[in-house]
Amino acid sequence: MKSGPNAINKDDIKTIIDHFKDLRNLAKTNNKKVNSNDFVFCLTYGEDSEKNSFIKKLEEDYEVYIGKEFWLRYTGDKNFYKDLIIAANEIAKEVNMKPIVDEVITELSKKIENRFKDISS
């Protein structure tokens, strides 16, 4: 499981496939029957059209569930994803992120100035 449609890169594909192979081998060692359908890759948000090329590569061998489809399969509630988005939006309206964003910008500015002070002098 990963967060969204751009959460993996090329190196992640091999890692994920290797983990699935390890699990398959462990199952064999323990006399458990598994098949390819037992292994799925899930993305908690996004749409099919947002899948990057690495996810599409993984999809050649494994099921990939993204966003609404993932949450439906996980909860059994066809409205869960929509309700989750609405709830997150309501919470976001109530949170004042300005102080946190200002602090991050200040810290980044300091780091950039320190790193490049020889260039800017």
C-alpha atoms as a PDB file:
ATOM      1  CA  MET A   1       0.000   0.000   0.000  1.00  0.00           C
ATOM      2  CA  LYS A   2       1.197   3.488  -0.880  1.00  0.00           C
ATOM      3  CA  SER A   3      -0.433   6.871  -0.682  1.00  0.00           C
ATOM      4  CA  GLY A   4      -1.131   7.994  -4.231  1.00  0.00           C
ATOM      5  CA  PRO A   5      -0.568   7.495  -7.950  1.00  0.00           C
ATOM      6  CA  ASN A   6       2.926   9.001  -8.022  1.00  0.00           C
ATOM      7  CA  ALA A   7       4.142   7.421  -4.793  1.00  0.00           C
ATOM      8  CA  ILE A   8       6.434   4.883  -6.446  1.00  0.00           C
ATOM      9  CA  ASN A   9       9.362   5.099  -8.817  1.00  0.00           C
ATOM     10  CA  LYS A  10      11.304   2.656 -10.968  1.00  0.00           C
ATOM     11  CA  ASP A  11      13.327   1.192  -8.084  1.00  0.00           C
ATOM     12  CA  ASP A  12      10.176   0.539  -6.064  1.00  0.00           C
ATOM     13  CA  ILE A  13       8.840  -1.843  -8.710  1.00  0.00           C
ATOM     14  CA  LYS A  14      11.655  -4.334  -8.184  1.00  0.00           C
ATOM     15  CA  THR A  15      11.330  -4.022  -4.403  1.00  0.00           C
ATOM     16  CA  ILE A  16       7.584  -4.670  -4.479  1.00  0.00           C
ATOM     17  CA  ILE A  17       7.905  -7.616  -6.859  1.00  0.00           C
ATOM     18  CA  ASP A  18      10.720  -9.061  -4.723  1.00  0.00           C
ATOM     19  CA  HIS A  19       8.568  -8.751  -1.587  1.00  0.00           C
ATOM     20  CA  PHE A  20       5.712 -10.539  -3.318  1.00  0.00           C
ATOM     21  CA  LYS A  21       8.117 -13.315  -4.438  1.00  0.00           C
ATOM     22  CA  ASP A  22       9.461 -13.627  -0.880  1.00  0.00           C
ATOM     23  CA  LEU A  23       5.926 -13.954   0.457  1.00  0.00           C
ATOM     24  CA  ARG A  24       5.108 -16.572  -2.161  1.00  0.00           C
ATOM     25  CA  ASN A  25       8.232 -18.543  -1.190  1.00  0.00           C
ATOM     26  CA  LEU A  26       7.388 -18.248   2.512  1.00  0.00           C
ATOM     27  CA  ALA A  27       3.925 -19.587   1.813  1.00  0.00           C
ATOM     28  CA  LYS A  28       5.408 -22.569  -0.039  1.00  0.00           C
ATOM     29  CA  THR A  29       7.794 -23.217   2.845  1.00  0.00           C
ATOM     30  CA  ASN A  30       4.818 -23.261   5.214  1.00  0.00           C
ATOM     31  CA  ASN A  31       2.694 -25.411   2.901  1.00  0.00           C
ATOM     32  CA  LYS A  32       0.232 -22.593   2.232  1.00  0.00           C
ATOM     33  CA  LYS A  33      -1.407 -22.244  -1.158  1.00  0.00           C
ATOM     34  CA  VAL A  34      -1.237 -18.774  -2.701  1.00  0.00           C
ATOM     35  CA  ASN A  35      -1.732 -17.465  -6.201  1.00  0.00           C
ATOM     36  CA  SER A  36      -1.135 -14.160  -7.974  1.00  0.00           C
ATOM     37  CA  ASN A  37      -4.612 -12.914  -7.015  1.00  0.00           C
ATOM     38  CA  ASP A  38      -3.577 -13.017  -3.352  1.00  0.00           C
ATOM     39  CA  PHE A  39      -1.158 -10.141  -3.942  1.00  0.00           C
ATOM     40  CA  VAL A  40      -2.504  -6.666  -4.627  1.00  0.00           C
ATOM     41  CA  PHE A  41      -0.987  -3.210  -4.635  1.00  0.00           C
ATOM     42  CA  CYS A  42      -3.136  -0.413  -3.233  1.00  0.00           C
ATOM     43  CA  LEU A  43      -3.093   3.375  -3.524  1.00  0.00           C
ATOM     44  CA  THR A  44      -5.209   5.241  -1.002  1.00  0.00           C
ATOM     45  CA  TYR A  45      -6.115   8.078  -3.364  1.00  0.00           C
ATOM     46  CA  GLY A  46      -6.156   8.944  -7.048  1.00  0.00           C
ATOM     47  CA  GLU A  47      -7.813   7.941 -10.282  1.00  0.00           C
ATOM     48  CA  ASP A  48      -6.899   5.347 -12.908  1.00  0.00           C
ATOM     49  CA  SER A  49      -5.891   8.118 -15.305  1.00  0.00           C
ATOM     50  CA  GLU A  50      -3.280   9.339 -12.778  1.00  0.00           C
ATOM     51  CA  LYS A  51      -1.319   6.083 -12.554  1.00  0.00           C
ATOM     52  CA  ASN A  52       2.298   6.611 -13.524  1.00  0.00           C
ATOM     53  CA  SER A  53       4.249   4.276 -15.800  1.00  0.00           C
ATOM     54  CA  PHE A  54       5.745   2.398 -12.850  1.00  0.00           C
ATOM     55  CA  ILE A  55       2.334   1.503 -11.454  1.00  0.00           C
ATOM     56  CA  LYS A  56       1.225   0.448 -14.927  1.00  0.00           C
ATOM     57  CA  LYS A  57       4.278  -1.829 -15.076  1.00  0.00           C
ATOM     58  CA  LEU A  58       3.347  -3.392 -11.737  1.00  0.00           C
ATOM     59  CA  GLU A  59      -0.205  -3.826 -13.042  1.00  0.00           C
ATOM     60  CA  GLU A  60       1.094  -6.202 -15.715  1.00  0.00           C
ATOM     61  CA  ASP A  61       1.501  -8.891 -13.045  1.00  0.00           C
ATOM     62  CA  TYR A  62      -0.584  -7.759 -10.061  1.00  0.00           C
ATOM     63  CA  GLU A  63      -3.916  -6.153  -9.293  1.00  0.00           C
ATOM     64  CA  VAL A  64      -3.725  -2.455  -8.470  1.00  0.00           C
ATOM     65  CA  TYR A  65      -6.554  -0.772  -6.581  1.00  0.00           C
ATOM     66  CA  ILE A  66      -6.581   3.010  -6.466  1.00  0.00           C
ATOM     67  CA  GLY A  67      -8.716   5.563  -4.661  1.00  0.00           C
ATOM     68  CA  LYS A  68     -12.413   4.771  -4.744  1.00  0.00           C
ATOM     69  CA  GLU A  69     -11.846   1.154  -5.793  1.00  0.00           C
ATOM     70  CA  PHE A  70      -9.370   0.590  -2.947  1.00  0.00           C
ATOM     71  CA  TRP A  71     -11.676   2.049  -0.295  1.00  0.00           C
ATOM     72  CA  LEU A  72     -14.662   0.097  -1.624  1.00  0.00           C
ATOM     73  CA  ARG A  73     -12.723  -3.163  -1.394  1.00  0.00           C
ATOM     74  CA  TYR A  74     -11.313  -2.239   2.024  1.00  0.00           C
ATOM     75  CA  THR A  75     -14.545  -1.040   3.670  1.00  0.00           C
ATOM     76  CA  GLY A  76     -17.342  -2.442   1.500  1.00  0.00           C
ATOM     77  CA  ASP A  77     -18.855   1.064   1.485  1.00  0.00           C
ATOM     78  CA  LYS A  78     -19.265   2.474  -2.036  1.00  0.00           C
ATOM     79  CA  ASN A  79     -19.485   6.037  -0.638  1.00  0.00           C
ATOM     80  CA  PHE A  80     -16.542   5.830   1.758  1.00  0.00           C
ATOM     81  CA  TYR A  81     -13.995   7.512  -0.552  1.00  0.00           C
ATOM     82  CA  LYS A  82     -16.326  10.402  -1.338  1.00  0.00           C
ATOM     83  CA  ASP A  83     -17.198  10.786   2.341  1.00  0.00           C
ATOM     84  CA  LEU A  84     -13.504  10.692   3.250  1.00  0.00           C
ATOM     85  CA  ILE A  85     -12.720  13.493   0.790  1.00  0.00           C
ATOM     86  CA  ILE A  86     -15.608  15.595   2.112  1.00  0.00           C
ATOM     87  CA  ALA A  87     -14.472  15.055   5.729  1.00  0.00           C
ATOM     88  CA  ALA A  88     -10.854  15.939   4.880  1.00  0.00           C
ATOM     89  CA  ASN A  89     -12.026  19.088   3.126  1.00  0.00           C
ATOM     90  CA  GLU A  90     -14.071  20.136   6.170  1.00  0.00           C
ATOM     91  CA  ILE A  91     -11.107  19.617   8.485  1.00  0.00           C
ATOM     92  CA  ALA A  92      -8.793  21.514   6.139  1.00  0.00           C
ATOM     93  CA  LYS A  93     -11.123  24.511   6.289  1.00  0.00           C
ATOM     94  CA  GLU A  94     -10.773  24.575  10.074  1.00  0.00           C
ATOM     95  CA  VAL A  95      -6.975  24.346  10.273  1.00  0.00           C
ATOM     96  CA  ASN A  96      -4.821  27.449   9.977  1.00  0.00           C
ATOM     97  CA  MET A  97      -1.655  26.219   8.241  1.00  0.00           C
ATOM     98  CA  LYS A  98      -0.121  29.686   7.769  1.00  0.00           C
ATOM     99  CA  PRO A  99       2.143  29.552  10.863  1.00  0.00           C
ATOM    100  CA  ILE A 100       3.439  26.101   9.902  1.00  0.00           C
ATOM    101  CA  VAL A 101       4.032  27.084   6.276  1.00  0.00           C
ATOM    102  CA  ASP A 102       5.758  30.311   7.363  1.00  0.00           C
ATOM    103  CA  GLU A 103       8.042  28.343   9.690  1.00  0.00           C
ATOM    104  CA  VAL A 104       8.959  25.856   6.949  1.00  0.00           C
ATOM    105  CA  ILE A 105       9.717  28.703   4.513  1.00  0.00           C
ATOM    106  CA  THR A 106      11.893  30.453   7.101  1.00  0.00           C
ATOM    107  CA  GLU A 107      13.847  27.269   7.861  1.00  0.00           C
ATOM    108  CA  LEU A 108      14.317  26.483   4.167  1.00  0.00           C
ATOM    109  CA  SER A 109      15.474  30.044   3.509  1.00  0.00           C
ATOM    110  CA  LYS A 110      18.084  29.733   6.253  1.00  0.00           C
ATOM    111  CA  LYS A 111      19.335  26.415   4.877  1.00  0.00           C
ATOM    112  CA  ILE A 112      19.568  27.815   1.349  1.00  0.00           C
ATOM    113  CA  GLU A 113      21.393  30.939   2.545  1.00  0.00           C
ATOM    114  CA  ASN A 114      23.873  28.853   4.547  1.00  0.00           C
ATOM    115  CA  ARG A 115      24.473  26.404   1.746  1.00  0.00           C
ATOM    116  CA  PHE A 116      24.995  29.027  -0.923  1.00  0.00           C
ATOM    117  CA  LYS A 117      26.427  31.973   1.060  1.00  0.00           C
ATOM    118  CA  ASP A 118      29.762  31.722  -0.802  1.00  0.00           C
ATOM    119  CA  ILE A 119      27.935  32.133  -4.129  1.00  0.00           C
ATOM    120  CA  SER A 120      25.782  35.052  -3.023  1.00  0.00           C
ATOM    121  CA  SER A 121      28.686  37.045  -1.504  1.00  0.00           C
END
